[in-house]
Amino acid sequence: MPEGCLLLQSGKTFEHITGGYIHAGFHEVVYTEQTKAAKEKAIEEDRSTWRVSSTMFTHFRYNVNCSPLPQLSHLYNQEEAKQYEGMTSFDILMTELDATNMVTSN
């Protein structure tokens, strides 16, 4: 990251309101053997094993329509943006939770 900049990971609702112009970021946390080895080495060297992560999740109110914003229509392809129409913030959240097996589909 360049100094003085802030990295933001866009979410699905942001992807929807921009008609797909900005894509949602992918986030995954993985604990690998290399991570385990680095932790064990830090312990051996009497170094801190703390990891600080400042994560902020934001959501629109559950009933907000997250269709592409007409004010941004100059950024997105009208035909491609149709796939983002008609979903509320709650619909998007439940789709993501279902995809990650955090809820069951009805």
PDB file of N, CA and C in Angstrom:
ATOM      1  N   MET A   1       0.838  -1.196   0.000  1.00  0.00           N
ATOM      2  CA  MET A   1       0.000   0.000   0.000  1.00  0.00           C
ATOM      3  C   MET A   1       0.875   1.249   0.000  1.00  0.00           C
ATOM      4  N   PRO A   2       0.578   2.176  -0.855  1.00  0.00           N
ATOM      5  CA  PRO A   2       1.317   3.439  -0.824  1.00  0.00           C
ATOM      6  C   PRO A   2       1.042   4.196   0.476  1.00  0.00           C
ATOM      7  N   GLU A   3       2.053   4.840   1.006  1.00  0.00           N
ATOM      8  CA  GLU A   3       1.890   5.600   2.241  1.00  0.00           C
ATOM      9  C   GLU A   3       0.821   6.673   2.060  1.00  0.00           C
ATOM     10  N   GLY A   4       0.005   6.841   3.078  1.00  0.00           N
ATOM     11  CA  GLY A   4      -1.046   7.845   3.037  1.00  0.00           C
ATOM     12  C   GLY A   4      -2.321   7.382   2.359  1.00  0.00           C
ATOM     13  N   CYS A   5      -2.370   6.103   1.967  1.00  0.00           N
ATOM     14  CA  CYS A   5      -3.555   5.570   1.301  1.00  0.00           C
ATOM     15  C   CYS A   5      -4.301   4.623   2.235  1.00  0.00           C
ATOM     16  N   LEU A   6      -5.538   4.422   1.951  1.00  0.00           N
ATOM     17  CA  LEU A   6      -6.393   3.530   2.714  1.00  0.00           C
ATOM     18  C   LEU A   6      -6.919   2.462   1.766  1.00  0.00           C
ATOM     19  N   LEU A   7      -6.775   1.205   2.161  1.00  0.00           N
ATOM     20  CA  LEU A   7      -7.274   0.098   1.348  1.00  0.00           C
ATOM     21  C   LEU A   7      -8.655  -0.290   1.855  1.00  0.00           C
ATOM     22  N   LEU A   8      -9.620  -0.288   0.975  1.00  0.00           N
ATOM     23  CA  LEU A   8     -10.973  -0.704   1.314  1.00  0.00           C
ATOM     24  C   LEU A   8     -11.334  -1.900   0.456  1.00  0.00           C
ATOM     25  N   GLN A   9     -11.917  -2.889   1.084  1.00  0.00           N
ATOM     26  CA  GLN A   9     -12.373  -4.053   0.342  1.00  0.00           C
ATOM     27  C   GLN A   9     -13.872  -3.890   0.126  1.00  0.00           C
ATOM     28  N   SER A  10     -14.251  -3.735  -1.121  1.00  0.00           N
ATOM     29  CA  SER A  10     -15.664  -3.514  -1.407  1.00  0.00           C
ATOM     30  C   SER A  10     -16.445  -4.806  -1.219  1.00  0.00           C
ATOM     31  N   GLY A  11     -17.681  -4.652  -0.841  1.00  0.00           N
ATOM     32  CA  GLY A  11     -18.550  -5.799  -0.618  1.00  0.00           C
ATOM     33  C   GLY A  11     -19.580  -5.951  -1.718  1.00  0.00           C
ATOM     34  N   LYS A  12     -20.430  -6.946  -1.543  1.00  0.00           N
ATOM     35  CA  LYS A  12     -21.434  -7.272  -2.559  1.00  0.00           C
ATOM     36  C   LYS A  12     -22.450  -6.150  -2.770  1.00  0.00           C
ATOM     37  N   THR A  13     -22.857  -5.467  -1.690  1.00  0.00           N
ATOM     38  CA  THR A  13     -23.839  -4.398  -1.887  1.00  0.00           C
ATOM     39  C   THR A  13     -23.237  -3.270  -2.717  1.00  0.00           C
ATOM     40  N   PHE A  14     -21.948  -2.994  -2.517  1.00  0.00           N
ATOM     41  CA  PHE A  14     -21.279  -1.958  -3.306  1.00  0.00           C
ATOM     42  C   PHE A  14     -21.196  -2.383  -4.769  1.00  0.00           C
ATOM     43  N   GLU A  15     -20.932  -3.671  -4.993  1.00  0.00           N
ATOM     44  CA  GLU A  15     -20.918  -4.192  -6.360  1.00  0.00           C
ATOM     45  C   GLU A  15     -22.291  -4.000  -7.006  1.00  0.00           C
ATOM     46  N   HIS A  16     -23.342  -4.261  -6.253  1.00  0.00           N
ATOM     47  CA  HIS A  16     -24.703  -4.139  -6.782  1.00  0.00           C
ATOM     48  C   HIS A  16     -25.043  -2.701  -7.136  1.00  0.00           C
ATOM     49  N   ILE A  17     -24.784  -1.762  -6.214  1.00  0.00           N
ATOM     50  CA  ILE A  17     -25.197  -0.373  -6.482  1.00  0.00           C
ATOM     51  C   ILE A  17     -24.366   0.267  -7.590  1.00  0.00           C
ATOM     52  N   THR A  18     -23.182  -0.303  -7.880  1.00  0.00           N
ATOM     53  CA  THR A  18     -22.367   0.225  -8.983  1.00  0.00           C
ATOM     54  C   THR A  18     -22.602  -0.563 -10.270  1.00  0.00           C
ATOM     55  N   GLY A  19     -23.598  -1.430 -10.276  1.00  0.00           N
ATOM     56  CA  GLY A  19     -23.930  -2.206 -11.468  1.00  0.00           C
ATOM     57  C   GLY A  19     -22.799  -3.104 -11.927  1.00  0.00           C
ATOM     58  N   GLY A  20     -21.949  -3.502 -10.994  1.00  0.00           N
ATOM     59  CA  GLY A  20     -20.838  -4.372 -11.330  1.00  0.00           C
ATOM     60  C   GLY A  20     -19.582  -3.636 -11.761  1.00  0.00           C
ATOM     61  N   TYR A  21     -19.629  -2.301 -11.762  1.00  0.00           N
ATOM     62  CA  TYR A  21     -18.444  -1.522 -12.140  1.00  0.00           C
ATOM     63  C   TYR A  21     -17.297  -1.786 -11.158  1.00  0.00           C
ATOM     64  N   ILE A  22     -17.634  -1.846  -9.881  1.00  0.00           N
ATOM     65  CA  ILE A  22     -16.656  -2.210  -8.853  1.00  0.00           C
ATOM     66  C   ILE A  22     -17.040  -3.588  -8.349  1.00  0.00           C
ATOM     67  N   HIS A  23     -16.109  -4.514  -8.390  1.00  0.00           N
ATOM     68  CA  HIS A  23     -16.377  -5.883  -7.971  1.00  0.00           C
ATOM     69  C   HIS A  23     -16.080  -6.065  -6.490  1.00  0.00           C
ATOM     70  N   ALA A  24     -16.870  -6.911  -5.852  1.00  0.00           N
ATOM     71  CA  ALA A  24     -16.648  -7.229  -4.454  1.00  0.00           C
ATOM     72  C   ALA A  24     -15.314  -7.938  -4.304  1.00  0.00           C
ATOM     73  N   GLY A  25     -14.620  -7.614  -3.239  1.00  0.00           N
ATOM     74  CA  GLY A  25     -13.345  -8.261  -2.961  1.00  0.00           C
ATOM     75  C   GLY A  25     -13.547  -9.655  -2.397  1.00  0.00           C
ATOM     76  N   PHE A  26     -12.536 -10.481  -2.523  1.00  0.00           N
ATOM     77  CA  PHE A  26     -12.560 -11.830  -1.976  1.00  0.00           C
ATOM     78  C   PHE A  26     -11.676 -11.843  -0.749  1.00  0.00           C
ATOM     79  N   HIS A  27     -12.170 -12.400   0.325  1.00  0.00           N
ATOM     80  CA  HIS A  27     -11.403 -12.451   1.564  1.00  0.00           C
ATOM     81  C   HIS A  27     -11.406 -13.874   2.094  1.00  0.00           C
ATOM     82  N   GLU A  28     -10.233 -14.330   2.440  1.00  0.00           N
ATOM     83  CA  GLU A  28     -10.118 -15.677   2.996  1.00  0.00           C
ATOM     84  C   GLU A  28      -8.977 -15.682   3.998  1.00  0.00           C
ATOM     85  N   VAL A  29      -9.203 -16.300   5.141  1.00  0.00           N
ATOM     86  CA  VAL A  29      -8.165 -16.444   6.161  1.00  0.00           C
ATOM     87  C   VAL A  29      -7.770 -17.911   6.202  1.00  0.00           C
ATOM     88  N   VAL A  30      -6.477 -18.157   6.048  1.00  0.00           N
ATOM     89  CA  VAL A  30      -5.975 -19.529   5.995  1.00  0.00           C
ATOM     90  C   VAL A  30      -4.842 -19.678   7.002  1.00  0.00           C
ATOM     91  N   TYR A  31      -4.911 -20.728   7.805  1.00  0.00           N
ATOM     92  CA  TYR A  31      -3.848 -21.052   8.755  1.00  0.00           C
ATOM     93  C   TYR A  31      -3.051 -22.205   8.158  1.00  0.00           C
ATOM     94  N   THR A  32      -1.871 -21.898   7.627  1.00  0.00           N
ATOM     95  CA  THR A  32      -1.064 -22.900   6.929  1.00  0.00           C
ATOM     96  C   THR A  32       0.032 -23.434   7.838  1.00  0.00           C
ATOM     97  N   GLU A  33       0.720 -24.434   7.355  1.00  0.00           N
ATOM     98  CA  GLU A  33       1.870 -24.970   8.093  1.00  0.00           C
ATOM     99  C   GLU A  33       2.953 -23.902   8.244  1.00  0.00           C
ATOM    100  N   GLN A  34       3.121 -23.049   7.223  1.00  0.00           N
ATOM    101  CA  GLN A  34       4.098 -21.960   7.313  1.00  0.00           C
ATOM    102  C   GLN A  34       3.712 -20.962   8.392  1.00  0.00           C
ATOM    103  N   THR A  35       2.415 -20.689   8.521  1.00  0.00           N
ATOM    104  CA  THR A  35       1.940 -19.788   9.565  1.00  0.00           C
ATOM    105  C   THR A  35       2.217 -20.400  10.931  1.00  0.00           C
ATOM    106  N   LYS A  36       1.923 -21.670  11.069  1.00  0.00           N
ATOM    107  CA  LYS A  36       2.172 -22.375  12.324  1.00  0.00           C
ATOM    108  C   LYS A  36       3.664 -22.344  12.680  1.00  0.00           C
ATOM    109  N   ALA A  37       4.528 -22.582  11.693  1.00  0.00           N
ATOM    110  CA  ALA A  37       5.974 -22.566  11.928  1.00  0.00           C
ATOM    111  C   ALA A  37       6.445 -21.179  12.358  1.00  0.00           C
ATOM    112  N   ALA A  38       5.906 -20.138  11.727  1.00  0.00           N
ATOM    113  CA  ALA A  38       6.287 -18.768  12.085  1.00  0.00           C
ATOM    114  C   ALA A  38       5.855 -18.450  13.512  1.00  0.00           C
ATOM    115  N   LYS A  39       4.680 -18.922  13.903  1.00  0.00           N
ATOM    116  CA  LYS A  39       4.205 -18.711  15.271  1.00  0.00           C
ATOM    117  C   LYS A  39       5.121 -19.423  16.260  1.00  0.00           C
ATOM    118  N   GLU A  40       5.449 -20.670  15.970  1.00  0.00           N
ATOM    119  CA  GLU A  40       6.318 -21.440  16.869  1.00  0.00           C
ATOM    120  C   GLU A  40       7.700 -20.808  16.981  1.00  0.00           C
ATOM    121  N   LYS A  41       8.220 -20.277  15.877  1.00  0.00           N
ATOM    122  CA  LYS A  41       9.524 -19.604  15.898  1.00  0.00           C
ATOM    123  C   LYS A  41       9.453 -18.344  16.755  1.00  0.00           C
ATOM    124  N   ALA A  42       8.369 -17.593  16.627  1.00  0.00           N
ATOM    125  CA  ALA A  42       8.207 -16.378  17.434  1.00  0.00           C
ATOM    126  C   ALA A  42       8.164 -16.724  18.917  1.00  0.00           C
ATOM    127  N   ILE A  43       7.500 -17.816  19.255  1.00  0.00           N
ATOM    128  CA  ILE A  43       7.441 -18.244  20.651  1.00  0.00           C
ATOM    129  C   ILE A  43       8.837 -18.605  21.139  1.00  0.00           C
ATOM    130  N   GLU A  44       9.581 -19.363  20.340  1.00  0.00           N
ATOM    131  CA  GLU A  44      10.947 -19.754  20.698  1.00  0.00           C
ATOM    132  C   GLU A  44      11.846 -18.537  20.914  1.00  0.00           C
ATOM    133  N   GLU A  45      11.636 -17.495  20.113  1.00  0.00           N
ATOM    134  CA  GLU A  45      12.460 -16.284  20.192  1.00  0.00           C
ATOM    135  C   GLU A  45      11.881 -15.254  21.161  1.00  0.00           C
ATOM    136  N   ASP A  46      10.878 -15.655  21.924  1.00  0.00           N
ATOM    137  CA  ASP A  46      10.227 -14.792  22.906  1.00  0.00           C
ATOM    138  C   ASP A  46       9.707 -13.495  22.278  1.00  0.00           C
ATOM    139  N   ARG A  47       9.162 -13.625  21.046  1.00  0.00           N
ATOM    140  CA  ARG A  47       8.541 -12.490  20.366  1.00  0.00           C
ATOM    141  C   ARG A  47       7.029 -12.611  20.463  1.00  0.00           C
ATOM    142  N   SER A  48       6.350 -11.527  20.288  1.00  0.00           N
ATOM    143  CA  SER A  48       4.893 -11.507  20.353  1.00  0.00           C
ATOM    144  C   SER A  48       4.286 -12.335  19.220  1.00  0.00           C
ATOM    145  N   THR A  49       3.210 -13.019  19.515  1.00  0.00           N
ATOM    146  CA  THR A  49       2.473 -13.762  18.485  1.00  0.00           C
ATOM    147  C   THR A  49       1.145 -13.080  18.157  1.00  0.00           C
ATOM    148  N   TRP A  50       0.983 -11.878  18.654  1.00  0.00           N
ATOM    149  CA  TRP A  50      -0.244 -11.137  18.392  1.00  0.00           C
ATOM    150  C   TRP A  50      -0.307 -10.690  16.945  1.00  0.00           C
ATOM    151  N   ARG A  51      -1.497 -10.737  16.406  1.00  0.00           N
ATOM    152  CA  ARG A  51      -1.774 -10.205  15.074  1.00  0.00           C
ATOM    153  C   ARG A  51      -2.962  -9.272  15.221  1.00  0.00           C
ATOM    154  N   VAL A  52      -2.787  -8.055  14.807  1.00  0.00           N
ATOM    155  CA  VAL A  52      -3.863  -7.080  14.935  1.00  0.00           C
ATOM    156  C   VAL A  52      -4.467  -6.833  13.562  1.00  0.00           C
ATOM    157  N   SER A  53      -5.772  -6.970  13.500  1.00  0.00           N
ATOM    158  CA  SER A  53      -6.493  -6.709  12.265  1.00  0.00           C
ATOM    159  C   SER A  53      -7.685  -5.840  12.608  1.00  0.00           C
ATOM    160  N   SER A  54      -7.820  -4.763  11.922  1.00  0.00           N
ATOM    161  CA  SER A  54      -8.936  -3.863  12.170  1.00  0.00           C
ATOM    162  C   SER A  54      -9.921  -3.999  11.022  1.00  0.00           C
ATOM    163  N   THR A  55     -10.949  -4.779  11.244  1.00  0.00           N
ATOM    164  CA  THR A  55     -11.934  -5.048  10.206  1.00  0.00           C
ATOM    165  C   THR A  55     -13.232  -4.338  10.535  1.00  0.00           C
ATOM    166  N   MET A  56     -13.813  -3.696   9.557  1.00  0.00           N
ATOM    167  CA  MET A  56     -15.094  -3.032   9.753  1.00  0.00           C
ATOM    168  C   MET A  56     -16.034  -3.498   8.647  1.00  0.00           C
ATOM    169  N   PHE A  57     -17.126  -4.094   9.042  1.00  0.00           N
ATOM    170  CA  PHE A  57     -18.151  -4.509   8.091  1.00  0.00           C
ATOM    171  C   PHE A  57     -19.293  -3.509   8.177  1.00  0.00           C
ATOM    172  N   THR A  58     -19.772  -3.075   7.041  1.00  0.00           N
ATOM    173  CA  THR A  58     -20.918  -2.180   7.017  1.00  0.00           C
ATOM    174  C   THR A  58     -21.981  -2.774   6.107  1.00  0.00           C
ATOM    175  N   HIS A  59     -23.203  -2.494   6.452  1.00  0.00           N
ATOM    176  CA  HIS A  59     -24.333  -2.991   5.661  1.00  0.00           C
ATOM    177  C   HIS A  59     -25.372  -1.891   5.569  1.00  0.00           C
ATOM    178  N   PHE A  60     -26.059  -1.871   4.453  1.00  0.00           N
ATOM    179  CA  PHE A  60     -27.221  -1.000   4.372  1.00  0.00           C
ATOM    180  C   PHE A  60     -28.325  -1.596   5.241  1.00  0.00           C
ATOM    181  N   ARG A  61     -29.296  -0.796   5.589  1.00  0.00           N
ATOM    182  CA  ARG A  61     -30.462  -1.307   6.310  1.00  0.00           C
ATOM    183  C   ARG A  61     -31.048  -2.456   5.496  1.00  0.00           C
ATOM    184  N   TYR A  62     -31.578  -3.454   6.165  1.00  0.00           N
ATOM    185  CA  TYR A  62     -32.010  -4.713   5.542  1.00  0.00           C
ATOM    186  C   TYR A  62     -32.941  -4.537   4.347  1.00  0.00           C
ATOM    187  N   ASN A  63     -33.767  -3.488   4.341  1.00  0.00           N
ATOM    188  CA  ASN A  63     -34.777  -3.357   3.288  1.00  0.00           C
ATOM    189  C   ASN A  63     -34.389  -2.382   2.166  1.00  0.00           C
ATOM    190  N   VAL A  64     -33.126  -1.955   2.135  1.00  0.00           N
ATOM    191  CA  VAL A  64     -32.688  -1.023   1.091  1.00  0.00           C
ATOM    192  C   VAL A  64     -32.544  -1.762  -0.239  1.00  0.00           C
ATOM    193  N   ASN A  65     -33.131  -1.190  -1.272  1.00  0.00           N
ATOM    194  CA  ASN A  65     -33.012  -1.754  -2.614  1.00  0.00           C
ATOM    195  C   ASN A  65     -31.603  -1.450  -3.128  1.00  0.00           C
ATOM    196  N   CYS A  66     -30.866  -2.486  -3.447  1.00  0.00           N
ATOM    197  CA  CYS A  66     -29.470  -2.330  -3.883  1.00  0.00           C
ATOM    198  C   CYS A  66     -29.306  -2.454  -5.386  1.00  0.00           C
ATOM    199  N   SER A  67     -30.362  -2.133  -6.123  1.00  0.00           N
ATOM    200  CA  SER A  67     -30.256  -2.110  -7.584  1.00  0.00           C
ATOM    201  C   SER A  67     -29.232  -1.053  -7.991  1.00  0.00           C
ATOM    202  N   PRO A  68     -28.646  -1.196  -9.179  1.00  0.00           N
ATOM    203  CA  PRO A  68     -27.664  -0.208  -9.637  1.00  0.00           C
ATOM    204  C   PRO A  68     -28.232   1.213  -9.579  1.00  0.00           C
ATOM    205  N   LEU A  69     -27.426   2.122  -9.045  1.00  0.00           N
ATOM    206  CA  LEU A  69     -27.854   3.515  -8.932  1.00  0.00           C
ATOM    207  C   LEU A  69     -27.848   4.185 -10.303  1.00  0.00           C
ATOM    208  N   PRO A  70     -28.962   4.798 -10.681  1.00  0.00           N
ATOM    209  CA  PRO A  70     -29.022   5.491 -11.976  1.00  0.00           C
ATOM    210  C   PRO A  70     -27.957   6.582 -12.090  1.00  0.00           C
ATOM    211  N   GLN A  71     -27.583   7.195 -10.967  1.00  0.00           N
ATOM    212  CA  GLN A  71     -26.577   8.259 -10.979  1.00  0.00           C
ATOM    213  C   GLN A  71     -25.202   7.742 -11.419  1.00  0.00           C
ATOM    214  N   LEU A  72     -25.011   6.422 -11.361  1.00  0.00           N
ATOM    215  CA  LEU A  72     -23.734   5.826 -11.758  1.00  0.00           C
ATOM    216  C   LEU A  72     -23.827   5.116 -13.107  1.00  0.00           C
ATOM    217  N   SER A  73     -24.933   5.309 -13.810  1.00  0.00           N
ATOM    218  CA  SER A  73     -25.160   4.555 -15.054  1.00  0.00           C
ATOM    219  C   SER A  73     -24.110   4.820 -16.130  1.00  0.00           C
ATOM    220  N   HIS A  74     -23.412   5.907 -16.018  1.00  0.00           N
ATOM    221  CA  HIS A  74     -22.342   6.183 -16.989  1.00  0.00           C
ATOM    222  C   HIS A  74     -21.131   5.270 -16.768  1.00  0.00           C
ATOM    223  N   LEU A  75     -21.099   4.565 -15.640  1.00  0.00           N
ATOM    224  CA  LEU A  75     -19.976   3.681 -15.325  1.00  0.00           C
ATOM    225  C   LEU A  75     -20.208   2.234 -15.731  1.00  0.00           C
ATOM    226  N   TYR A  76     -21.452   1.810 -15.751  1.00  0.00           N
ATOM    227  CA  TYR A  76     -21.709   0.385 -15.978  1.00  0.00           C
ATOM    228  C   TYR A  76     -22.472   0.131 -17.270  1.00  0.00           C
ATOM    229  N   ASN A  77     -22.361  -1.113 -17.738  1.00  0.00           N
ATOM    230  CA  ASN A  77     -23.066  -1.567 -18.927  1.00  0.00           C
ATOM    231  C   ASN A  77     -24.505  -1.892 -18.532  1.00  0.00           C
ATOM    232  N   GLN A  78     -25.461  -1.260 -19.179  1.00  0.00           N
ATOM    233  CA  GLN A  78     -26.874  -1.422 -18.823  1.00  0.00           C
ATOM    234  C   GLN A  78     -27.327  -2.875 -18.862  1.00  0.00           C
ATOM    235  N   GLU A  79     -26.915  -3.599 -19.883  1.00  0.00           N
ATOM    236  CA  GLU A  79     -27.343  -4.991 -20.027  1.00  0.00           C
ATOM    237  C   GLU A  79     -26.747  -5.865 -18.917  1.00  0.00           C
ATOM    238  N   GLU A  80     -25.455  -5.712 -18.644  1.00  0.00           N
ATOM    239  CA  GLU A  80     -24.800  -6.503 -17.605  1.00  0.00           C
ATOM    240  C   GLU A  80     -25.323  -6.148 -16.213  1.00  0.00           C
ATOM    241  N   ALA A  81     -25.718  -4.891 -16.023  1.00  0.00           N
ATOM    242  CA  ALA A  81     -26.191  -4.439 -14.714  1.00  0.00           C
ATOM    243  C   ALA A  81     -27.538  -5.059 -14.336  1.00  0.00           C
ATOM    244  N   LYS A  82     -28.263  -5.602 -15.313  1.00  0.00           N
ATOM    245  CA  LYS A  82     -29.571  -6.200 -15.021  1.00  0.00           C
ATOM    246  C   LYS A  82     -29.476  -7.340 -14.009  1.00  0.00           C
ATOM    247  N   GLN A  83     -28.334  -8.019 -13.962  1.00  0.00           N
ATOM    248  CA  GLN A  83     -28.179  -9.123 -13.006  1.00  0.00           C
ATOM    249  C   GLN A  83     -28.173  -8.637 -11.553  1.00  0.00           C
ATOM    250  N   TYR A  84     -28.011  -7.336 -11.337  1.00  0.00           N
ATOM    251  CA  TYR A  84     -27.960  -6.782  -9.991  1.00  0.00           C
ATOM    252  C   TYR A  84     -29.274  -6.141  -9.558  1.00  0.00           C
ATOM    253  N   GLU A  85     -30.287  -6.194 -10.395  1.00  0.00           N
ATOM    254  CA  GLU A  85     -31.542  -5.514 -10.090  1.00  0.00           C
ATOM    255  C   GLU A  85     -32.406  -6.295  -9.112  1.00  0.00           C
ATOM    256  N   GLY A  86     -33.172  -5.547  -8.326  1.00  0.00           N
ATOM    257  CA  GLY A  86     -34.226  -6.127  -7.507  1.00  0.00           C
ATOM    258  C   GLY A  86     -33.803  -6.851  -6.239  1.00  0.00           C
ATOM    259  N   MET A  87     -32.598  -6.634  -5.756  1.00  0.00           N
ATOM    260  CA  MET A  87     -32.186  -7.295  -4.517  1.00  0.00           C
ATOM    261  C   MET A  87     -32.059  -6.267  -3.401  1.00  0.00           C
ATOM    262  N   THR A  88     -32.538  -6.652  -2.236  1.00  0.00           N
ATOM    263  CA  THR A  88     -32.351  -5.804  -1.067  1.00  0.00           C
ATOM    264  C   THR A  88     -31.027  -6.167  -0.400  1.00  0.00           C
ATOM    265  N   SER A  89     -30.612  -5.335   0.526  1.00  0.00           N
ATOM    266  CA  SER A  89     -29.394  -5.614   1.282  1.00  0.00           C
ATOM    267  C   SER A  89     -29.512  -6.961   1.996  1.00  0.00           C
ATOM    268  N   PHE A  90     -30.695  -7.251   2.525  1.00  0.00           N
ATOM    269  CA  PHE A  90     -30.924  -8.534   3.208  1.00  0.00           C
ATOM    270  C   PHE A  90     -30.788  -9.705   2.236  1.00  0.00           C
ATOM    271  N   ASP A  91     -31.342  -9.574   1.030  1.00  0.00           N
ATOM    272  CA  ASP A  91     -31.226 -10.630   0.017  1.00  0.00           C
ATOM    273  C   ASP A  91     -29.758 -10.930  -0.293  1.00  0.00           C
ATOM    274  N   ILE A  92     -28.966  -9.881  -0.453  1.00  0.00           N
ATOM    275  CA  ILE A  92     -27.542 -10.048  -0.764  1.00  0.00           C
ATOM    276  C   ILE A  92     -26.827 -10.733   0.394  1.00  0.00           C
ATOM    277  N   LEU A  93     -27.101 -10.284   1.616  1.00  0.00           N
ATOM    278  CA  LEU A  93     -26.485 -10.888   2.793  1.00  0.00           C
ATOM    279  C   LEU A  93     -26.825 -12.364   2.895  1.00  0.00           C
ATOM    280  N   MET A  94     -28.085 -12.709   2.718  1.00  0.00           N
ATOM    281  CA  MET A  94     -28.491 -14.112   2.837  1.00  0.00           C
ATOM    282  C   MET A  94     -27.878 -14.964   1.720  1.00  0.00           C
ATOM    283  N   THR A  95     -27.733 -14.409   0.528  1.00  0.00           N
ATOM    284  CA  THR A  95     -27.086 -15.135  -0.563  1.00  0.00           C
ATOM    285  C   THR A  95     -25.642 -15.459  -0.207  1.00  0.00           C
ATOM    286  N   GLU A  96     -24.943 -14.488   0.364  1.00  0.00           N
ATOM    287  CA  GLU A  96     -23.544 -14.700   0.760  1.00  0.00           C
ATOM    288  C   GLU A  96     -23.431 -15.689   1.922  1.00  0.00           C
ATOM    289  N   LEU A  97     -24.306 -15.573   2.906  1.00  0.00           N
ATOM    290  CA  LEU A  97     -24.270 -16.505   4.039  1.00  0.00           C
ATOM    291  C   LEU A  97     -24.584 -17.925   3.583  1.00  0.00           C
ATOM    292  N   ASP A  98     -25.508 -18.048   2.644  1.00  0.00           N
ATOM    293  CA  ASP A  98     -25.834 -19.371   2.097  1.00  0.00           C
ATOM    294  C   ASP A  98     -24.644 -19.949   1.327  1.00  0.00           C
ATOM    295  N   ALA A  99     -23.967 -19.107   0.557  1.00  0.00           N
ATOM    296  CA  ALA A  99     -22.820 -19.570  -0.237  1.00  0.00           C
ATOM    297  C   ALA A  99     -21.667 -20.037   0.638  1.00  0.00           C
ATOM    298  N   THR A 100     -21.584 -19.516   1.850  1.00  0.00           N
ATOM    299  CA  THR A 100     -20.503 -19.892   2.766  1.00  0.00           C
ATOM    300  C   THR A 100     -20.977 -20.893   3.824  1.00  0.00           C
ATOM    301  N   ASN A 101     -22.152 -21.476   3.584  1.00  0.00           N
ATOM    302  CA  ASN A 101     -22.729 -22.484   4.489  1.00  0.00           C
ATOM    303  C   ASN A 101     -22.951 -21.972   5.913  1.00  0.00           C
ATOM    304  N   MET A 102     -23.234 -20.689   6.032  1.00  0.00           N
ATOM    305  CA  MET A 102     -23.502 -20.113   7.344  1.00  0.00           C
ATOM    306  C   MET A 102     -24.992 -20.099   7.675  1.00  0.00           C
ATOM    307  N   VAL A 103     -25.812 -20.333   6.666  1.00  0.00           N
ATOM    308  CA  VAL A 103     -27.257 -20.528   6.835  1.00  0.00           C
ATOM    309  C   VAL A 103     -27.671 -21.591   5.847  1.00  0.00           C
ATOM    310  N   THR A 104     -28.839 -22.157   6.064  1.00  0.00           N
ATOM    311  CA  THR A 104     -29.344 -23.152   5.116  1.00  0.00           C
ATOM    312  C   THR A 104     -30.412 -22.513   4.244  1.00  0.00           C
ATOM    313  N   SER A 105     -30.460 -22.931   3.000  1.00  0.00           N
ATOM    314  CA  SER A 105     -31.459 -22.415   2.063  1.00  0.00           C
ATOM    315  C   SER A 105     -32.835 -22.946   2.420  1.00  0.00           C
ATOM    316  N   ASN A 106     -33.828 -22.144   2.123  1.00  0.00           N
ATOM    317  CA  ASN A 106     -35.218 -22.571   2.318  1.00  0.00           C
ATOM    318  C   ASN A 106     -35.846 -22.876   0.987  1.00  0.00           C
TER     319      ASN A 106
END
